[in-house]
PDB file of N, CA and C in Angstrom:
ATOM      1  N   MET A   1       0.820  -1.189   0.000  1.00  0.00           N
ATOM      2  CA  MET A   1       0.000   0.000   0.000  1.00  0.00           C
ATOM      3  C   MET A   1       0.871   1.263   0.000  1.00  0.00           C
ATOM      4  N   THR A   2       1.894   1.273   0.832  1.00  0.00           N
ATOM      5  CA  THR A   2       2.794   2.424   0.901  1.00  0.00           C
ATOM      6  C   THR A   2       3.491   2.628  -0.435  1.00  0.00           C
ATOM      7  N   ARG A   3       3.884   1.541  -1.025  1.00  0.00           N
ATOM      8  CA  ARG A   3       4.544   1.610  -2.339  1.00  0.00           C
ATOM      9  C   ARG A   3       3.611   2.208  -3.383  1.00  0.00           C
ATOM     10  N   PHE A   4       2.358   1.810  -3.372  1.00  0.00           N
ATOM     11  CA  PHE A   4       1.362   2.322  -4.297  1.00  0.00           C
ATOM     12  C   PHE A   4       1.198   3.834  -4.125  1.00  0.00           C
ATOM     13  N   LEU A   5       1.087   4.303  -2.880  1.00  0.00           N
ATOM     14  CA  LEU A   5       0.933   5.726  -2.612  1.00  0.00           C
ATOM     15  C   LEU A   5       2.165   6.503  -3.069  1.00  0.00           C
ATOM     16  N   PHE A   6       3.336   5.929  -2.906  1.00  0.00           N
ATOM     17  CA  PHE A   6       4.559   6.582  -3.350  1.00  0.00           C
ATOM     18  C   PHE A   6       4.560   6.741  -4.868  1.00  0.00           C
ATOM     19  N   VAL A   7       4.180   5.706  -5.575  1.00  0.00           N
ATOM     20  CA  VAL A   7       4.140   5.754  -7.035  1.00  0.00           C
ATOM     21  C   VAL A   7       3.108   6.771  -7.509  1.00  0.00           C
ATOM     22  N   VAL A   8       1.958   6.807  -6.878  1.00  0.00           N
ATOM     23  CA  VAL A   8       0.909   7.754  -7.257  1.00  0.00           C
ATOM     24  C   VAL A   8       1.394   9.186  -7.031  1.00  0.00           C
ATOM     25  N   SER A   9       2.022   9.455  -5.883  1.00  0.00           N
ATOM     26  CA  SER A   9       2.504  10.810  -5.620  1.00  0.00           C
ATOM     27  C   SER A   9       3.605  11.199  -6.596  1.00  0.00           C
ATOM     28  N   LEU A  10       4.450  10.260  -6.951  1.00  0.00           N
ATOM     29  CA  LEU A  10       5.505  10.515  -7.932  1.00  0.00           C
ATOM     30  C   LEU A  10       4.905  10.856  -9.296  1.00  0.00           C
ATOM     31  N   LEU A  11       3.883  10.138  -9.700  1.00  0.00           N
ATOM     32  CA  LEU A  11       3.212  10.413 -10.972  1.00  0.00           C
ATOM     33  C   LEU A  11       2.524  11.775 -10.954  1.00  0.00           C
ATOM     34  N   LEU A  12       1.914  12.140  -9.837  1.00  0.00           N
ATOM     35  CA  LEU A  12       1.264  13.440  -9.740  1.00  0.00           C
ATOM     36  C   LEU A  12       2.276  14.574  -9.842  1.00  0.00           C
ATOM     37  N   CYS A  13       3.427  14.413  -9.219  1.00  0.00           N
ATOM     38  CA  CYS A  13       4.477  15.444  -9.314  1.00  0.00           C
ATOM     39  C   CYS A  13       4.975  15.567 -10.743  1.00  0.00           C
ATOM     40  N   ALA A  14       5.177  14.453 -11.416  1.00  0.00           N
ATOM     41  CA  ALA A  14       5.663  14.472 -12.795  1.00  0.00           C
ATOM     42  C   ALA A  14       4.633  15.115 -13.720  1.00  0.00           C
ATOM     43  N   SER A  15       3.367  14.816 -13.511  1.00  0.00           N
ATOM     44  CA  SER A  15       2.344  15.406 -14.379  1.00  0.00           C
ATOM     45  C   SER A  15       2.195  16.898 -14.104  1.00  0.00           C
ATOM     46  N   ALA A  16       2.387  17.330 -12.878  1.00  0.00           N
ATOM     47  CA  ALA A  16       2.321  18.761 -12.560  1.00  0.00           C
ATOM     48  C   ALA A  16       3.474  19.500 -13.221  1.00  0.00           C
ATOM     49  N   ALA A  17       4.648  18.903 -13.234  1.00  0.00           N
ATOM     50  CA  ALA A  17       5.802  19.539 -13.872  1.00  0.00           C
ATOM     51  C   ALA A  17       5.596  19.646 -15.376  1.00  0.00           C
ATOM     52  N   SER A  18       5.056  18.624 -15.987  1.00  0.00           N
ATOM     53  CA  SER A  18       4.832  18.693 -17.431  1.00  0.00           C
ATOM     54  C   SER A  18       3.692  19.641 -17.763  1.00  0.00           C
ATOM     55  N   ALA A  19       2.741  19.793 -16.873  1.00  0.00           N
ATOM     56  CA  ALA A  19       1.634  20.722 -17.113  1.00  0.00           C
ATOM     57  C   ALA A  19       2.124  22.159 -17.123  1.00  0.00           C
ATOM     58  N   GLN A  20       3.169  22.452 -16.362  1.00  0.00           N
ATOM     59  CA  GLN A  20       3.715  23.798 -16.354  1.00  0.00           C
ATOM     60  C   GLN A  20       4.394  24.117 -17.671  1.00  0.00           C
ATOM     61  N   GLN A  21       4.944  23.143 -18.346  1.00  0.00           N
ATOM     62  CA  GLN A  21       5.606  23.357 -19.623  1.00  0.00           C
ATOM     63  C   GLN A  21       4.614  23.366 -20.776  1.00  0.00           C
ATOM     64  N   GLN A  22       3.479  22.792 -20.588  1.00  0.00           N
ATOM     65  CA  GLN A  22       2.509  22.602 -21.651  1.00  0.00           C
ATOM     66  C   GLN A  22       2.008  23.876 -22.311  1.00  0.00           C
ATOM     67  N   PRO A  23       1.671  24.959 -21.578  1.00  0.00           N
ATOM     68  CA  PRO A  23       1.114  26.134 -22.249  1.00  0.00           C
ATOM     69  C   PRO A  23       2.022  26.686 -23.341  1.00  0.00           C
ATOM     70  N   GLY A  24       3.307  26.769 -23.089  1.00  0.00           N
ATOM     71  CA  GLY A  24       4.233  27.247 -24.111  1.00  0.00           C
ATOM     72  C   GLY A  24       4.290  26.313 -25.300  1.00  0.00           C
ATOM     73  N   HIS A  25       4.288  25.047 -25.009  1.00  0.00           N
ATOM     74  CA  HIS A  25       4.314  24.048 -26.078  1.00  0.00           C
ATOM     75  C   HIS A  25       3.055  24.149 -26.922  1.00  0.00           C
ATOM     76  N   ASP A  26       1.911  24.245 -26.263  1.00  0.00           N
ATOM     77  CA  ASP A  26       0.645  24.339 -26.983  1.00  0.00           C
ATOM     78  C   ASP A  26       0.559  25.610 -27.817  1.00  0.00           C
ATOM     79  N   ALA A  27       1.061  26.716 -27.274  1.00  0.00           N
ATOM     80  CA  ALA A  27       0.971  27.994 -27.967  1.00  0.00           C
ATOM     81  C   ALA A  27       1.763  27.994 -29.267  1.00  0.00           C
ATOM     82  N   CYS A  28       2.864  27.262 -29.304  1.00  0.00           N
ATOM     83  CA  CYS A  28       3.729  27.279 -30.488  1.00  0.00           C
ATOM     84  C   CYS A  28       3.643  26.010 -31.337  1.00  0.00           C
ATOM     85  N   ALA A  29       2.907  25.019 -30.885  1.00  0.00           N
ATOM     86  CA  ALA A  29       2.872  23.741 -31.602  1.00  0.00           C
ATOM     87  C   ALA A  29       2.429  23.898 -33.057  1.00  0.00           C
ATOM     88  N   ARG A  30       1.394  24.664 -33.275  1.00  0.00           N
ATOM     89  CA  ARG A  30       0.885  24.859 -34.642  1.00  0.00           C
ATOM     90  C   ARG A  30       1.911  25.612 -35.500  1.00  0.00           C
ATOM     91  N   ASP A  31       2.554  26.630 -34.908  1.00  0.00           N
ATOM     92  CA  ASP A  31       3.567  27.387 -35.638  1.00  0.00           C
ATOM     93  C   ASP A  31       4.783  26.519 -35.988  1.00  0.00           C
ATOM     94  N   VAL A  32       5.168  25.663 -35.052  1.00  0.00           N
ATOM     95  CA  VAL A  32       6.307  24.772 -35.311  1.00  0.00           C
ATOM     96  C   VAL A  32       5.982  23.843 -36.473  1.00  0.00           C
ATOM     97  N   THR A  33       4.796  23.244 -36.461  1.00  0.00           N
ATOM     98  CA  THR A  33       4.469  22.339 -37.561  1.00  0.00           C
ATOM     99  C   THR A  33       4.271  23.088 -38.879  1.00  0.00           C
ATOM    100  N   ARG A  34       3.811  24.310 -38.810  1.00  0.00           N
ATOM    101  CA  ARG A  34       3.576  25.094 -40.017  1.00  0.00           C
ATOM    102  C   ARG A  34       4.883  25.610 -40.632  1.00  0.00           C
ATOM    103  N   PHE A  35       5.765  26.165 -39.806  1.00  0.00           N
ATOM    104  CA  PHE A  35       6.948  26.837 -40.334  1.00  0.00           C
ATOM    105  C   PHE A  35       8.258  26.068 -40.150  1.00  0.00           C
ATOM    106  N   CYS A  36       8.303  25.140 -39.203  1.00  0.00           N
ATOM    107  CA  CYS A  36       9.582  24.530 -38.829  1.00  0.00           C
ATOM    108  C   CYS A  36       9.591  23.008 -38.924  1.00  0.00           C
ATOM    109  N   ARG A  37       8.670  22.461 -39.673  1.00  0.00           N
ATOM    110  CA  ARG A  37       8.576  20.999 -39.789  1.00  0.00           C
ATOM    111  C   ARG A  37       9.897  20.376 -40.238  1.00  0.00           C
ATOM    112  N   ALA A  38      10.609  21.042 -41.127  1.00  0.00           N
ATOM    113  CA  ALA A  38      11.851  20.480 -41.676  1.00  0.00           C
ATOM    114  C   ALA A  38      12.960  20.343 -40.637  1.00  0.00           C
ATOM    115  N   VAL A  39      12.903  21.130 -39.565  1.00  0.00           N
ATOM    116  CA  VAL A  39      13.981  21.086 -38.569  1.00  0.00           C
ATOM    117  C   VAL A  39      13.533  20.481 -37.236  1.00  0.00           C
ATOM    118  N   MET A  40      12.329  19.938 -37.165  1.00  0.00           N
ATOM    119  CA  MET A  40      11.809  19.405 -35.910  1.00  0.00           C
ATOM    120  C   MET A  40      12.700  18.317 -35.321  1.00  0.00           C
ATOM    121  N   ASN A  41      13.340  17.536 -36.136  1.00  0.00           N
ATOM    122  CA  ASN A  41      14.178  16.444 -35.644  1.00  0.00           C
ATOM    123  C   ASN A  41      15.607  16.884 -35.345  1.00  0.00           C
ATOM    124  N   ASN A  42      15.905  18.165 -35.511  1.00  0.00           N
ATOM    125  CA  ASN A  42      17.267  18.665 -35.292  1.00  0.00           C
ATOM    126  C   ASN A  42      17.469  19.229 -33.894  1.00  0.00           C
ATOM    127  N   GLY A  43      16.481  19.140 -33.038  1.00  0.00           N
ATOM    128  CA  GLY A  43      16.619  19.587 -31.661  1.00  0.00           C
ATOM    129  C   GLY A  43      15.933  20.918 -31.393  1.00  0.00           C
ATOM    130  N   ASP A  44      15.852  21.232 -30.097  1.00  0.00           N
ATOM    131  CA  ASP A  44      15.144  22.433 -29.664  1.00  0.00           C
ATOM    132  C   ASP A  44      15.797  23.710 -30.168  1.00  0.00           C
ATOM    133  N   GLY A  45      17.129  23.723 -30.230  1.00  0.00           N
ATOM    134  CA  GLY A  45      17.838  24.913 -30.698  1.00  0.00           C
ATOM    135  C   GLY A  45      17.485  25.254 -32.136  1.00  0.00           C
ATOM    136  N   ALA A  46      17.385  24.234 -32.967  1.00  0.00           N
ATOM    137  CA  ALA A  46      17.045  24.449 -34.371  1.00  0.00           C
ATOM    138  C   ALA A  46      15.608  24.947 -34.509  1.00  0.00           C
ATOM    139  N   VAL A  47      14.709  24.395 -33.705  1.00  0.00           N
ATOM    140  CA  VAL A  47      13.308  24.820 -33.751  1.00  0.00           C
ATOM    141  C   VAL A  47      13.192  26.267 -33.269  1.00  0.00           C
ATOM    142  N   LEU A  48      13.898  26.604 -32.192  1.00  0.00           N
ATOM    143  CA  LEU A  48      13.868  27.970 -31.686  1.00  0.00           C
ATOM    144  C   LEU A  48      14.404  28.950 -32.728  1.00  0.00           C
ATOM    145  N   ALA A  49      15.506  28.594 -33.373  1.00  0.00           N
ATOM    146  CA  ALA A  49      16.064  29.453 -34.421  1.00  0.00           C
ATOM    147  C   ALA A  49      15.067  29.631 -35.558  1.00  0.00           C
ATOM    148  N   CYS A  50      14.385  28.573 -35.918  1.00  0.00           N
ATOM    149  CA  CYS A  50      13.382  28.639 -36.976  1.00  0.00           C
ATOM    150  C   CYS A  50      12.224  29.545 -36.583  1.00  0.00           C
ATOM    151  N   LEU A  51      11.769  29.423 -35.338  1.00  0.00           N
ATOM    152  CA  LEU A  51      10.680  30.279 -34.880  1.00  0.00           C
ATOM    153  C   LEU A  51      11.102  31.745 -34.913  1.00  0.00           C
ATOM    154  N   LYS A  52      12.322  32.021 -34.485  1.00  0.00           N
ATOM    155  CA  LYS A  52      12.825  33.398 -34.515  1.00  0.00           C
ATOM    156  C   LYS A  52      12.902  33.912 -35.951  1.00  0.00           C
ATOM    157  N   GLN A  53      13.308  33.047 -36.858  1.00  0.00           N
ATOM    158  CA  GLN A  53      13.412  33.420 -38.268  1.00  0.00           C
ATOM    159  C   GLN A  53      12.035  33.744 -38.856  1.00  0.00           C
ATOM    160  N   ASN A  54      11.023  33.082 -38.362  1.00  0.00           N
ATOM    161  CA  ASN A  54       9.661  33.273 -38.861  1.00  0.00           C
ATOM    162  C   ASN A  54       8.816  34.130 -37.931  1.00  0.00           C
ATOM    163  N   ARG A  55       9.444  34.899 -37.085  1.00  0.00           N
ATOM    164  CA  ARG A  55       8.748  35.674 -36.056  1.00  0.00           C
ATOM    165  C   ARG A  55       7.592  36.525 -36.594  1.00  0.00           C
ATOM    166  N   PRO A  56       7.725  37.209 -37.713  1.00  0.00           N
ATOM    167  CA  PRO A  56       6.602  38.026 -38.198  1.00  0.00           C
ATOM    168  C   PRO A  56       5.344  37.209 -38.535  1.00  0.00           C
ATOM    169  N   LYS A  57       5.503  35.921 -38.775  1.00  0.00           N
ATOM    170  CA  LYS A  57       4.380  35.070 -39.160  1.00  0.00           C
ATOM    171  C   LYS A  57       3.760  34.314 -37.980  1.00  0.00           C
ATOM    172  N   LEU A  58       4.384  34.369 -36.793  1.00  0.00           N
ATOM    173  CA  LEU A  58       3.938  33.570 -35.659  1.00  0.00           C
ATOM    174  C   LEU A  58       2.601  34.047 -35.104  1.00  0.00           C
ATOM    175  N   SER A  59       1.896  33.118 -34.493  1.00  0.00           N
ATOM    176  CA  SER A  59       0.637  33.467 -33.821  1.00  0.00           C
ATOM    177  C   SER A  59       0.953  34.354 -32.619  1.00  0.00           C
ATOM    178  N   LYS A  60      -0.036  35.079 -32.161  1.00  0.00           N
ATOM    179  CA  LYS A  60       0.155  35.974 -31.018  1.00  0.00           C
ATOM    180  C   LYS A  60       0.547  35.197 -29.760  1.00  0.00           C
ATOM    181  N   GLY A  61      -0.034  34.026 -29.579  1.00  0.00           N
ATOM    182  CA  GLY A  61       0.279  33.210 -28.406  1.00  0.00           C
ATOM    183  C   GLY A  61       1.718  32.748 -28.390  1.00  0.00           C
ATOM    184  N   CYS A  62       2.203  32.301 -29.533  1.00  0.00           N
ATOM    185  CA  CYS A  62       3.586  31.844 -29.628  1.00  0.00           C
ATOM    186  C   CYS A  62       4.548  33.018 -29.466  1.00  0.00           C
ATOM    187  N   GLU A  63       4.217  34.133 -30.070  1.00  0.00           N
ATOM    188  CA  GLU A  63       5.034  35.345 -29.933  1.00  0.00           C
ATOM    189  C   GLU A  63       5.142  35.737 -28.464  1.00  0.00           C
ATOM    190  N   LYS A  64       4.035  35.653 -27.746  1.00  0.00           N
ATOM    191  CA  LYS A  64       4.020  35.999 -26.323  1.00  0.00           C
ATOM    192  C   LYS A  64       4.912  35.059 -25.521  1.00  0.00           C
ATOM    193  N   VAL A  65       4.849  33.763 -25.808  1.00  0.00           N
ATOM    194  CA  VAL A  65       5.673  32.789 -25.097  1.00  0.00           C
ATOM    195  C   VAL A  65       7.156  33.069 -25.344  1.00  0.00           C
ATOM    196  N   LEU A  66       7.533  33.340 -26.582  1.00  0.00           N
ATOM    197  CA  LEU A  66       8.921  33.636 -26.883  1.00  0.00           C
ATOM    198  C   LEU A  66       9.385  34.876 -26.138  1.00  0.00           C
ATOM    199  N   THR A  67       8.574  35.910 -26.154  1.00  0.00           N
ATOM    200  CA  THR A  67       8.924  37.162 -25.469  1.00  0.00           C
ATOM    201  C   THR A  67       9.061  36.941 -23.967  1.00  0.00           C
ATOM    202  N   GLU A  68       8.134  36.203 -23.381  1.00  0.00           N
ATOM    203  CA  GLU A  68       8.183  35.934 -21.944  1.00  0.00           C
ATOM    204  C   GLU A  68       9.419  35.139 -21.537  1.00  0.00           C
ATOM    205  N   HIS A  69       9.985  34.386 -22.474  1.00  0.00           N
ATOM    206  CA  HIS A  69      11.181  33.585 -22.194  1.00  0.00           C
ATOM    207  C   HIS A  69      12.451  34.259 -22.702  1.00  0.00           C
ATOM    208  N   GLY A  70      12.367  35.548 -22.963  1.00  0.00           N
ATOM    209  CA  GLY A  70      13.554  36.301 -23.339  1.00  0.00           C
ATOM    210  C   GLY A  70      14.085  36.014 -24.722  1.00  0.00           C
ATOM    211  N   GLN A  71      13.226  35.581 -25.596  1.00  0.00           N
ATOM    212  CA  GLN A  71      13.660  35.273 -26.956  1.00  0.00           C
ATOM    213  C   GLN A  71      13.151  36.341 -27.863  1.00  0.00           C
TER     214      GLN A  71
END
């Protein structure tokens, strides 16, 4: 029983951490697939560079996320 509760609490912590990252991911997901599909497999740095390159075309939500993260 104790083991079960430990696993459940561990899963809840992991899901809370991923939920905090989700809004930024969701805001830019459509823009990434639209403008940066060719570099998606090259890592986060390549995707970020692509988003910056296409900044005038980005959705308002994605633009806001980039700005909030100092990009």
